[in-house]
Amino acid sequence: MRIVPTNKEIKLNPRKYILSTTDLKGNITKVNDYFLEICKYTKDELIGAPHNIIRHPDMPKAIFYLMWESIKNGKNITAVVKNMAKNGDHYWVITDFEIRRDQSGKINRYMAFRQAAPKKIVATIEPLYQKLLEIEKMDGMEVSVKYLLNYVAEQGTDYNGYIAKLEKRSALTLFLLNKAKKLFSNNL
């Protein structure tokens, strides 16, 4: 069953994190209660499902390509993502990844920490994502990725740096994120 977007936005609590872990193929292995509350899926529906179950059609493939290339290579990335709940409503998040490794140092899972994306960031990023979608429809994802990389290079950075410039996290926000990572790393 294909979910139809409603164009209704879910208001996220800026002090709460949506947390999940996935295996190396992107299948969900664990979620927190806030994830369930926001996405409207049950735990049974999510566990084992590909994480793209919550992908909004307004999201360019180029962003997910960059995210996967980074985390597969053991590099963190922070991304702005529009997700879609089971009922078609959407929510914007800033996603920060933590790459988890086994005893030998081999990557064995990914953790994602999502927090409400500020309106200012969404207003800045949405036109860029719309442009990327247009390019993908006309010329494919590879051309979209090249456009994105050139765009952020013109800003004097890469995608991760571009998001960091937009976000300008406060010391308190960074402290809370690091605290959440420590707290939930062992539980997820």
N, C-alpha and C. Protein backbone atom coordinates (compact mmCIF):
# COMPACT_ATOMS: atom_id res chain seq x y z
N MET A 1 0.85 -1.18 0.00
CA MET A 1 0.00 0.00 0.00
C MET A 1 0.89 1.24 0.00
N ARG A 2 0.70 2.07 -0.98
CA ARG A 2 1.49 3.31 -1.09
C ARG A 2 0.80 4.42 -0.29
N ILE A 3 1.58 5.07 0.55
CA ILE A 3 1.05 6.14 1.40
C ILE A 3 1.06 7.45 0.62
N VAL A 4 -0.03 8.18 0.70
CA VAL A 4 -0.15 9.46 0.00
C VAL A 4 0.13 10.60 0.99
N PRO A 5 1.05 11.49 0.64
CA PRO A 5 1.35 12.62 1.53
C PRO A 5 0.12 13.50 1.75
N THR A 6 -0.06 13.96 2.98
CA THR A 6 -1.21 14.80 3.33
C THR A 6 -0.88 16.28 3.31
N ASN A 7 0.40 16.62 3.25
CA ASN A 7 0.88 18.01 3.36
C ASN A 7 0.63 18.60 4.74
N LYS A 8 0.33 17.75 5.73
CA LYS A 8 0.19 18.20 7.12
C LYS A 8 1.49 17.90 7.85
N GLU A 9 1.98 18.91 8.57
CA GLU A 9 3.24 18.73 9.30
C GLU A 9 2.99 18.33 10.75
N ILE A 10 3.77 17.37 11.20
CA ILE A 10 3.74 16.95 12.60
C ILE A 10 4.68 17.86 13.37
N LYS A 11 4.20 18.45 14.43
CA LYS A 11 5.04 19.30 15.27
C LYS A 11 5.85 18.41 16.21
N LEU A 12 7.15 18.52 16.11
CA LEU A 12 8.04 17.73 16.95
C LEU A 12 8.43 18.52 18.19
N ASN A 13 8.65 17.81 19.26
CA ASN A 13 9.17 18.41 20.48
C ASN A 13 10.67 18.61 20.28
N PRO A 14 11.16 19.86 20.29
CA PRO A 14 12.58 20.10 20.02
C PRO A 14 13.51 19.55 21.10
N ARG A 15 12.95 19.10 22.19
CA ARG A 15 13.78 18.55 23.27
C ARG A 15 13.81 17.03 23.28
N LYS A 16 13.11 16.42 22.33
CA LYS A 16 13.08 14.97 22.26
C LYS A 16 13.82 14.50 21.00
N TYR A 17 14.37 13.29 21.11
CA TYR A 17 15.06 12.68 19.98
C TYR A 17 14.29 11.47 19.47
N ILE A 18 14.26 11.34 18.16
CA ILE A 18 13.75 10.16 17.49
C ILE A 18 14.98 9.30 17.24
N LEU A 19 14.98 8.10 17.81
CA LEU A 19 16.16 7.25 17.74
C LEU A 19 15.85 5.92 17.05
N SER A 20 16.82 5.46 16.28
CA SER A 20 16.69 4.14 15.67
C SER A 20 18.07 3.57 15.39
N THR A 21 18.11 2.27 15.25
CA THR A 21 19.30 1.59 14.76
C THR A 21 18.91 0.76 13.56
N THR A 22 19.88 0.60 12.67
CA THR A 22 19.66 -0.25 11.50
C THR A 22 20.85 -1.18 11.34
N ASP A 23 20.61 -2.25 10.62
CA ASP A 23 21.72 -3.12 10.26
C ASP A 23 22.45 -2.48 9.08
N LEU A 24 23.43 -3.17 8.54
CA LEU A 24 24.24 -2.59 7.46
C LEU A 24 23.48 -2.41 6.16
N LYS A 25 22.33 -3.07 6.03
CA LYS A 25 21.52 -2.93 4.82
C LYS A 25 20.43 -1.88 4.97
N GLY A 26 20.35 -1.25 6.15
CA GLY A 26 19.33 -0.22 6.36
C GLY A 26 18.03 -0.73 6.91
N ASN A 27 17.99 -1.98 7.38
CA ASN A 27 16.79 -2.52 7.99
C ASN A 27 16.75 -2.13 9.46
N ILE A 28 15.61 -1.69 9.90
CA ILE A 28 15.44 -1.21 11.27
C ILE A 28 15.56 -2.37 12.26
N THR A 29 16.38 -2.17 13.28
CA THR A 29 16.55 -3.19 14.31
C THR A 29 16.00 -2.74 15.66
N LYS A 30 16.02 -1.44 15.93
CA LYS A 30 15.48 -0.92 17.18
C LYS A 30 14.99 0.51 16.97
N VAL A 31 13.99 0.89 17.76
CA VAL A 31 13.45 2.26 17.73
C VAL A 31 13.09 2.66 19.16
N ASN A 32 13.03 3.96 19.40
CA ASN A 32 12.56 4.40 20.71
C ASN A 32 11.06 4.73 20.64
N ASP A 33 10.46 4.96 21.78
CA ASP A 33 9.02 5.22 21.85
C ASP A 33 8.62 6.49 21.10
N TYR A 34 9.49 7.51 21.12
CA TYR A 34 9.15 8.76 20.42
C TYR A 34 9.10 8.53 18.91
N PHE A 35 9.95 7.67 18.40
CA PHE A 35 9.90 7.30 16.99
C PHE A 35 8.52 6.73 16.66
N LEU A 36 8.07 5.79 17.48
CA LEU A 36 6.75 5.16 17.25
C LEU A 36 5.63 6.19 17.32
N GLU A 37 5.70 7.08 18.30
CA GLU A 37 4.68 8.11 18.48
C GLU A 37 4.58 9.01 17.24
N ILE A 38 5.71 9.41 16.70
CA ILE A 38 5.72 10.34 15.58
C ILE A 38 5.38 9.66 14.26
N CYS A 39 5.95 8.50 14.00
CA CYS A 39 5.75 7.89 12.68
C CYS A 39 4.45 7.10 12.55
N LYS A 40 3.78 6.83 13.67
CA LYS A 40 2.48 6.17 13.67
C LYS A 40 2.51 4.70 13.27
N TYR A 41 3.70 4.13 13.14
CA TYR A 41 3.81 2.70 12.90
C TYR A 41 3.93 1.99 14.24
N THR A 42 3.61 0.71 14.25
CA THR A 42 3.85 -0.09 15.45
C THR A 42 5.29 -0.61 15.39
N LYS A 43 5.76 -1.04 16.54
CA LYS A 43 7.11 -1.60 16.60
C LYS A 43 7.22 -2.82 15.68
N ASP A 44 6.19 -3.65 15.67
CA ASP A 44 6.20 -4.84 14.82
C ASP A 44 6.26 -4.49 13.33
N GLU A 45 5.64 -3.37 12.95
CA GLU A 45 5.68 -2.95 11.55
C GLU A 45 7.06 -2.43 11.15
N LEU A 46 7.79 -1.88 12.12
CA LEU A 46 9.07 -1.26 11.82
C LEU A 46 10.26 -2.21 11.90
N ILE A 47 10.30 -3.05 12.92
CA ILE A 47 11.46 -3.91 13.11
C ILE A 47 11.60 -4.87 11.92
N GLY A 48 12.75 -4.82 11.28
CA GLY A 48 13.01 -5.64 10.10
C GLY A 48 12.67 -4.95 8.79
N ALA A 49 11.91 -3.85 8.87
CA ALA A 49 11.54 -3.11 7.66
C ALA A 49 12.70 -2.21 7.23
N PRO A 50 12.81 -1.93 5.92
CA PRO A 50 13.83 -0.98 5.48
C PRO A 50 13.50 0.41 6.03
N HIS A 51 14.54 1.15 6.39
CA HIS A 51 14.32 2.47 6.99
C HIS A 51 13.60 3.41 6.03
N ASN A 52 13.69 3.13 4.75
CA ASN A 52 13.01 4.02 3.80
C ASN A 52 11.49 3.89 3.85
N ILE A 53 10.98 3.09 4.79
CA ILE A 53 9.53 3.02 5.02
C ILE A 53 8.98 4.40 5.38
N ILE A 54 9.83 5.26 5.95
CA ILE A 54 9.38 6.60 6.35
C ILE A 54 9.87 7.68 5.38
N ARG A 55 10.41 7.29 4.26
CA ARG A 55 10.93 8.27 3.29
C ARG A 55 9.79 9.04 2.64
N HIS A 56 9.91 10.34 2.66
CA HIS A 56 8.92 11.21 2.00
C HIS A 56 9.31 11.36 0.53
N PRO A 57 8.34 11.35 -0.39
CA PRO A 57 8.66 11.47 -1.81
C PRO A 57 9.28 12.82 -2.18
N ASP A 58 9.21 13.81 -1.30
CA ASP A 58 9.85 15.11 -1.56
C ASP A 58 11.36 15.08 -1.33
N MET A 59 11.87 13.96 -0.83
CA MET A 59 13.30 13.86 -0.55
C MET A 59 14.07 13.39 -1.78
N PRO A 60 15.10 14.14 -2.16
CA PRO A 60 15.91 13.72 -3.30
C PRO A 60 16.76 12.49 -2.95
N LYS A 61 16.91 11.62 -3.93
CA LYS A 61 17.73 10.43 -3.74
C LYS A 61 19.19 10.80 -3.48
N ALA A 62 19.61 11.93 -4.00
CA ALA A 62 21.00 12.38 -3.84
C ALA A 62 21.39 12.50 -2.37
N ILE A 63 20.48 12.94 -1.54
CA ILE A 63 20.77 13.10 -0.11
C ILE A 63 21.01 11.74 0.52
N PHE A 64 20.17 10.76 0.21
CA PHE A 64 20.35 9.42 0.77
C PHE A 64 21.62 8.76 0.22
N TYR A 65 21.93 9.04 -1.02
CA TYR A 65 23.18 8.52 -1.58
C TYR A 65 24.37 9.04 -0.77
N LEU A 66 24.41 10.35 -0.53
CA LEU A 66 25.51 10.92 0.26
C LEU A 66 25.55 10.36 1.67
N MET A 67 24.37 10.22 2.28
CA MET A 67 24.32 9.67 3.63
C MET A 67 24.90 8.26 3.66
N TRP A 68 24.46 7.41 2.76
CA TRP A 68 24.92 6.02 2.75
C TRP A 68 26.39 5.92 2.41
N GLU A 69 26.86 6.71 1.46
CA GLU A 69 28.29 6.69 1.13
C GLU A 69 29.13 7.08 2.34
N SER A 70 28.67 8.05 3.09
CA SER A 70 29.42 8.49 4.28
C SER A 70 29.45 7.43 5.36
N ILE A 71 28.27 6.94 5.76
CA ILE A 71 28.24 6.02 6.90
C ILE A 71 28.83 4.65 6.55
N LYS A 72 28.68 4.20 5.30
CA LYS A 72 29.30 2.94 4.91
C LYS A 72 30.82 3.02 5.00
N ASN A 73 31.34 4.22 4.81
CA ASN A 73 32.78 4.43 4.88
C ASN A 73 33.24 4.88 6.27
N GLY A 74 32.34 4.75 7.26
CA GLY A 74 32.70 5.04 8.64
C GLY A 74 32.77 6.52 8.99
N LYS A 75 32.18 7.36 8.15
CA LYS A 75 32.19 8.80 8.39
C LYS A 75 30.80 9.28 8.81
N ASN A 76 30.76 10.06 9.85
CA ASN A 76 29.48 10.61 10.29
C ASN A 76 29.01 11.65 9.28
N ILE A 77 27.71 11.84 9.25
CA ILE A 77 27.12 12.89 8.43
C ILE A 77 25.89 13.40 9.16
N THR A 78 25.66 14.68 9.03
CA THR A 78 24.45 15.29 9.56
C THR A 78 23.62 15.73 8.36
N ALA A 79 22.35 15.35 8.34
CA ALA A 79 21.50 15.64 7.19
C ALA A 79 20.16 16.19 7.63
N VAL A 80 19.59 17.01 6.79
CA VAL A 80 18.23 17.50 7.00
C VAL A 80 17.32 16.62 6.14
N VAL A 81 16.32 16.02 6.80
CA VAL A 81 15.48 15.03 6.13
C VAL A 81 14.00 15.29 6.42
N LYS A 82 13.20 15.15 5.37
CA LYS A 82 11.75 15.20 5.50
C LYS A 82 11.26 13.76 5.49
N ASN A 83 10.66 13.34 6.59
CA ASN A 83 10.14 11.98 6.73
C ASN A 83 8.62 11.99 6.67
N MET A 84 8.05 10.81 6.43
CA MET A 84 6.60 10.70 6.34
C MET A 84 6.09 9.62 7.28
N ALA A 85 5.07 9.99 8.06
CA ALA A 85 4.42 9.05 8.97
C ALA A 85 3.49 8.13 8.17
N LYS A 86 3.04 7.10 8.84
CA LYS A 86 2.16 6.11 8.22
C LYS A 86 0.86 6.73 7.69
N ASN A 87 0.39 7.80 8.32
CA ASN A 87 -0.85 8.45 7.88
C ASN A 87 -0.62 9.49 6.78
N GLY A 88 0.62 9.66 6.32
CA GLY A 88 0.92 10.61 5.24
C GLY A 88 1.38 11.97 5.72
N ASP A 89 1.27 12.25 7.01
CA ASP A 89 1.79 13.51 7.56
C ASP A 89 3.31 13.48 7.51
N HIS A 90 3.94 14.66 7.56
CA HIS A 90 5.40 14.71 7.46
C HIS A 90 6.00 15.46 8.64
N TYR A 91 7.31 15.27 8.77
CA TYR A 91 8.07 15.98 9.80
C TYR A 91 9.51 16.14 9.31
N TRP A 92 10.08 17.30 9.61
CA TRP A 92 11.45 17.62 9.23
C TRP A 92 12.37 17.38 10.42
N VAL A 93 13.49 16.72 10.17
CA VAL A 93 14.46 16.44 11.23
C VAL A 93 15.88 16.73 10.76
N ILE A 94 16.70 17.00 11.74
CA ILE A 94 18.14 16.99 11.52
C ILE A 94 18.61 15.65 12.06
N THR A 95 19.23 14.87 11.20
CA THR A 95 19.65 13.52 11.57
C THR A 95 21.17 13.48 11.72
N ASP A 96 21.58 12.96 12.84
CA ASP A 96 23.00 12.79 13.14
C ASP A 96 23.24 11.30 13.35
N PHE A 97 24.23 10.76 12.68
CA PHE A 97 24.49 9.32 12.76
C PHE A 97 25.63 9.00 13.71
N GLU A 98 25.56 7.82 14.25
CA GLU A 98 26.69 7.27 14.98
C GLU A 98 26.93 5.89 14.40
N ILE A 99 28.16 5.65 14.00
CA ILE A 99 28.52 4.38 13.41
C ILE A 99 29.03 3.48 14.53
N ARG A 100 28.42 2.33 14.67
CA ARG A 100 28.78 1.40 15.74
C ARG A 100 29.64 0.28 15.16
N ARG A 101 30.62 -0.14 15.94
CA ARG A 101 31.57 -1.16 15.49
C ARG A 101 31.63 -2.31 16.48
N ASP A 102 32.00 -3.48 15.96
CA ASP A 102 32.17 -4.64 16.83
C ASP A 102 33.56 -4.59 17.48
N GLN A 103 33.90 -5.63 18.20
CA GLN A 103 35.17 -5.71 18.94
C GLN A 103 36.39 -5.56 18.02
N SER A 104 36.27 -6.03 16.79
CA SER A 104 37.40 -5.96 15.86
C SER A 104 37.47 -4.64 15.10
N GLY A 105 36.51 -3.76 15.33
CA GLY A 105 36.50 -2.46 14.67
C GLY A 105 35.69 -2.41 13.39
N LYS A 106 35.06 -3.52 13.05
CA LYS A 106 34.24 -3.58 11.83
C LYS A 106 32.87 -2.97 12.11
N ILE A 107 32.37 -2.15 11.18
CA ILE A 107 31.05 -1.53 11.33
C ILE A 107 30.00 -2.64 11.39
N ASN A 108 29.12 -2.58 12.41
CA ASN A 108 28.08 -3.61 12.51
C ASN A 108 26.66 -3.06 12.60
N ARG A 109 26.52 -1.74 12.77
CA ARG A 109 25.19 -1.12 12.75
C ARG A 109 25.33 0.39 12.74
N TYR A 110 24.20 1.03 12.46
CA TYR A 110 24.15 2.49 12.44
C TYR A 110 23.08 2.96 13.40
N MET A 111 23.38 4.03 14.10
CA MET A 111 22.38 4.65 14.98
C MET A 111 22.08 6.03 14.42
N ALA A 112 20.82 6.40 14.44
CA ALA A 112 20.41 7.72 13.97
C ALA A 112 19.69 8.45 15.09
N PHE A 113 20.13 9.67 15.31
CA PHE A 113 19.55 10.55 16.32
C PHE A 113 18.91 11.71 15.56
N ARG A 114 17.60 11.82 15.66
CA ARG A 114 16.87 12.86 14.92
C ARG A 114 16.22 13.84 15.87
N GLN A 115 16.33 15.11 15.51
CA GLN A 115 15.72 16.16 16.31
C GLN A 115 14.99 17.10 15.35
N ALA A 116 14.00 17.79 15.86
CA ALA A 116 13.23 18.72 15.03
C ALA A 116 14.16 19.69 14.30
N ALA A 117 13.94 19.84 13.01
CA ALA A 117 14.71 20.81 12.22
C ALA A 117 14.05 22.18 12.38
N PRO A 118 14.83 23.20 12.74
CA PRO A 118 14.27 24.55 12.86
C PRO A 118 13.67 25.03 11.53
N LYS A 119 12.62 25.82 11.62
CA LYS A 119 11.92 26.34 10.43
C LYS A 119 12.87 27.06 9.48
N LYS A 120 13.82 27.80 10.04
CA LYS A 120 14.76 28.56 9.22
C LYS A 120 15.58 27.63 8.33
N ILE A 121 15.99 26.50 8.88
CA ILE A 121 16.76 25.54 8.09
C ILE A 121 15.89 24.91 7.01
N VAL A 122 14.68 24.55 7.37
CA VAL A 122 13.76 23.95 6.39
C VAL A 122 13.51 24.93 5.25
N ALA A 123 13.30 26.21 5.58
CA ALA A 123 13.05 27.23 4.55
C ALA A 123 14.24 27.38 3.61
N THR A 124 15.43 27.18 4.12
CA THR A 124 16.64 27.28 3.29
C THR A 124 16.86 26.02 2.46
N ILE A 125 16.64 24.87 3.05
CA ILE A 125 16.97 23.61 2.39
C ILE A 125 15.90 23.14 1.40
N GLU A 126 14.66 23.49 1.65
CA GLU A 126 13.56 23.00 0.81
C GLU A 126 13.71 23.38 -0.67
N PRO A 127 14.04 24.64 -1.00
CA PRO A 127 14.23 24.95 -2.44
C PRO A 127 15.38 24.17 -3.08
N LEU A 128 16.45 23.93 -2.31
CA LEU A 128 17.56 23.14 -2.83
C LEU A 128 17.09 21.72 -3.12
N TYR A 129 16.35 21.13 -2.20
CA TYR A 129 15.85 19.76 -2.41
C TYR A 129 14.89 19.70 -3.59
N GLN A 130 14.07 20.73 -3.76
CA GLN A 130 13.15 20.75 -4.91
C GLN A 130 13.93 20.78 -6.22
N LYS A 131 15.01 21.55 -6.24
CA LYS A 131 15.87 21.62 -7.43
C LYS A 131 16.50 20.25 -7.70
N LEU A 132 16.98 19.60 -6.63
CA LEU A 132 17.58 18.27 -6.80
C LEU A 132 16.56 17.27 -7.35
N LEU A 133 15.32 17.34 -6.86
CA LEU A 133 14.26 16.45 -7.36
C LEU A 133 14.00 16.70 -8.85
N GLU A 134 13.97 17.96 -9.25
CA GLU A 134 13.77 18.29 -10.67
C GLU A 134 14.88 17.70 -11.52
N ILE A 135 16.10 17.84 -11.04
CA ILE A 135 17.25 17.29 -11.78
C ILE A 135 17.14 15.77 -11.86
N GLU A 136 16.77 15.13 -10.76
CA GLU A 136 16.64 13.67 -10.76
C GLU A 136 15.58 13.20 -11.75
N LYS A 137 14.49 13.92 -11.85
CA LYS A 137 13.43 13.54 -12.78
C LYS A 137 13.88 13.69 -14.23
N MET A 138 14.68 14.72 -14.49
CA MET A 138 15.12 14.99 -15.87
C MET A 138 16.37 14.20 -16.26
N ASP A 139 17.34 14.17 -15.34
CA ASP A 139 18.66 13.65 -15.72
C ASP A 139 19.20 12.53 -14.84
N GLY A 140 18.48 12.17 -13.78
CA GLY A 140 18.92 11.07 -12.93
C GLY A 140 19.66 11.51 -11.67
N MET A 141 19.86 10.55 -10.80
CA MET A 141 20.46 10.83 -9.50
C MET A 141 21.92 11.27 -9.60
N GLU A 142 22.68 10.67 -10.50
CA GLU A 142 24.10 11.03 -10.61
C GLU A 142 24.29 12.51 -10.90
N VAL A 143 23.47 13.04 -11.78
CA VAL A 143 23.55 14.47 -12.11
C VAL A 143 23.11 15.31 -10.91
N SER A 144 22.11 14.82 -10.19
CA SER A 144 21.64 15.50 -8.98
C SER A 144 22.74 15.56 -7.92
N VAL A 145 23.46 14.45 -7.74
CA VAL A 145 24.57 14.42 -6.77
C VAL A 145 25.64 15.42 -7.18
N LYS A 146 25.99 15.44 -8.47
CA LYS A 146 27.01 16.39 -8.95
C LYS A 146 26.56 17.83 -8.70
N TYR A 147 25.29 18.11 -8.97
CA TYR A 147 24.77 19.46 -8.73
C TYR A 147 24.90 19.82 -7.25
N LEU A 148 24.51 18.91 -6.38
CA LEU A 148 24.58 19.15 -4.94
C LEU A 148 26.02 19.38 -4.49
N LEU A 149 26.94 18.53 -4.94
CA LEU A 149 28.34 18.69 -4.55
C LEU A 149 28.91 20.01 -5.05
N ASN A 150 28.56 20.40 -6.26
CA ASN A 150 29.01 21.70 -6.78
C ASN A 150 28.39 22.86 -6.00
N TYR A 151 27.10 22.72 -5.66
CA TYR A 151 26.41 23.76 -4.91
C TYR A 151 27.07 24.01 -3.55
N VAL A 152 27.34 22.94 -2.81
CA VAL A 152 27.94 23.13 -1.49
C VAL A 152 29.41 23.55 -1.61
N ALA A 153 30.09 23.11 -2.67
CA ALA A 153 31.48 23.54 -2.90
C ALA A 153 31.52 25.05 -3.14
N GLU A 154 30.51 25.58 -3.85
CA GLU A 154 30.42 27.04 -4.05
C GLU A 154 30.23 27.78 -2.73
N GLN A 155 29.69 27.08 -1.74
CA GLN A 155 29.52 27.65 -0.40
C GLN A 155 30.80 27.49 0.42
N GLY A 156 31.81 26.86 -0.18
CA GLY A 156 33.09 26.68 0.48
C GLY A 156 33.15 25.49 1.42
N THR A 157 32.31 24.47 1.16
CA THR A 157 32.26 23.35 2.09
C THR A 157 31.74 22.10 1.38
N ASP A 158 31.45 21.06 2.15
CA ASP A 158 30.77 19.87 1.65
C ASP A 158 29.36 19.87 2.24
N TYR A 159 28.56 18.83 1.95
CA TYR A 159 27.18 18.81 2.44
C TYR A 159 27.13 18.87 3.96
N ASN A 160 27.95 18.07 4.61
CA ASN A 160 27.97 18.04 6.07
C ASN A 160 28.30 19.43 6.64
N GLY A 161 29.28 20.08 6.08
CA GLY A 161 29.66 21.43 6.51
C GLY A 161 28.56 22.44 6.22
N TYR A 162 27.89 22.26 5.10
CA TYR A 162 26.79 23.16 4.74
C TYR A 162 25.67 23.08 5.78
N ILE A 163 25.31 21.86 6.16
CA ILE A 163 24.27 21.68 7.17
C ILE A 163 24.74 22.25 8.50
N ALA A 164 25.99 22.04 8.84
CA ALA A 164 26.53 22.57 10.10
C ALA A 164 26.45 24.10 10.12
N LYS A 165 26.74 24.73 8.98
CA LYS A 165 26.64 26.19 8.90
C LYS A 165 25.20 26.65 9.08
N LEU A 166 24.27 25.93 8.46
CA LEU A 166 22.85 26.28 8.60
C LEU A 166 22.38 26.09 10.03
N GLU A 167 22.86 25.02 10.62
CA GLU A 167 22.35 24.63 11.93
C GLU A 167 22.91 25.48 13.07
N LYS A 168 24.20 25.70 13.05
CA LYS A 168 24.84 26.48 14.11
C LYS A 168 24.32 26.06 15.48
N ARG A 169 24.53 24.81 15.80
CA ARG A 169 24.04 24.27 17.07
C ARG A 169 24.64 25.02 18.25
N SER A 170 23.80 25.27 19.20
CA SER A 170 24.26 25.89 20.43
C SER A 170 25.06 24.89 21.25
N ALA A 171 25.84 25.38 22.17
CA ALA A 171 26.61 24.50 23.05
C ALA A 171 25.67 23.57 23.82
N LEU A 172 24.51 24.10 24.24
CA LEU A 172 23.55 23.29 24.98
C LEU A 172 23.00 22.16 24.10
N THR A 173 22.67 22.47 22.86
CA THR A 173 22.15 21.46 21.94
C THR A 173 23.19 20.36 21.72
N LEU A 174 24.44 20.74 21.51
CA LEU A 174 25.50 19.75 21.31
C LEU A 174 25.69 18.90 22.57
N PHE A 175 25.62 19.55 23.72
CA PHE A 175 25.75 18.82 24.99
C PHE A 175 24.64 17.78 25.11
N LEU A 176 23.40 18.20 24.82
CA LEU A 176 22.26 17.29 24.93
C LEU A 176 22.35 16.15 23.92
N LEU A 177 22.81 16.45 22.71
CA LEU A 177 22.97 15.42 21.70
C LEU A 177 23.99 14.38 22.16
N ASN A 178 25.12 14.85 22.64
CA ASN A 178 26.16 13.92 23.10
C ASN A 178 25.69 13.12 24.30
N LYS A 179 24.92 13.75 25.17
CA LYS A 179 24.38 13.04 26.33
C LYS A 179 23.39 11.96 25.86
N ALA A 180 22.53 12.31 24.89
CA ALA A 180 21.56 11.34 24.35
C ALA A 180 22.30 10.19 23.69
N LYS A 181 23.36 10.48 22.95
CA LYS A 181 24.12 9.42 22.30
C LYS A 181 24.69 8.45 23.33
N LYS A 182 25.28 9.00 24.38
CA LYS A 182 25.86 8.14 25.43
C LYS A 182 24.79 7.32 26.12
N LEU A 183 23.67 7.97 26.44
CA LEU A 183 22.59 7.30 27.15
C LEU A 183 21.97 6.17 26.35
N PHE A 184 21.73 6.43 25.07
CA PHE A 184 21.02 5.47 24.24
C PHE A 184 21.91 4.52 23.46
N SER A 185 23.20 4.80 23.39
CA SER A 185 24.10 3.94 22.62
C SER A 185 24.06 2.50 23.10
N ASN A 186 23.99 2.31 24.38
CA ASN A 186 23.99 0.95 24.92
C ASN A 186 22.61 0.32 24.90
N ASN A 187 21.57 1.15 24.78
CA ASN A 187 20.19 0.65 24.83
C ASN A 187 19.59 0.39 23.46
N LEU A 188 20.17 0.97 22.43
CA LEU A 188 19.62 0.76 21.08
C LEU A 188 20.52 -0.12 20.26
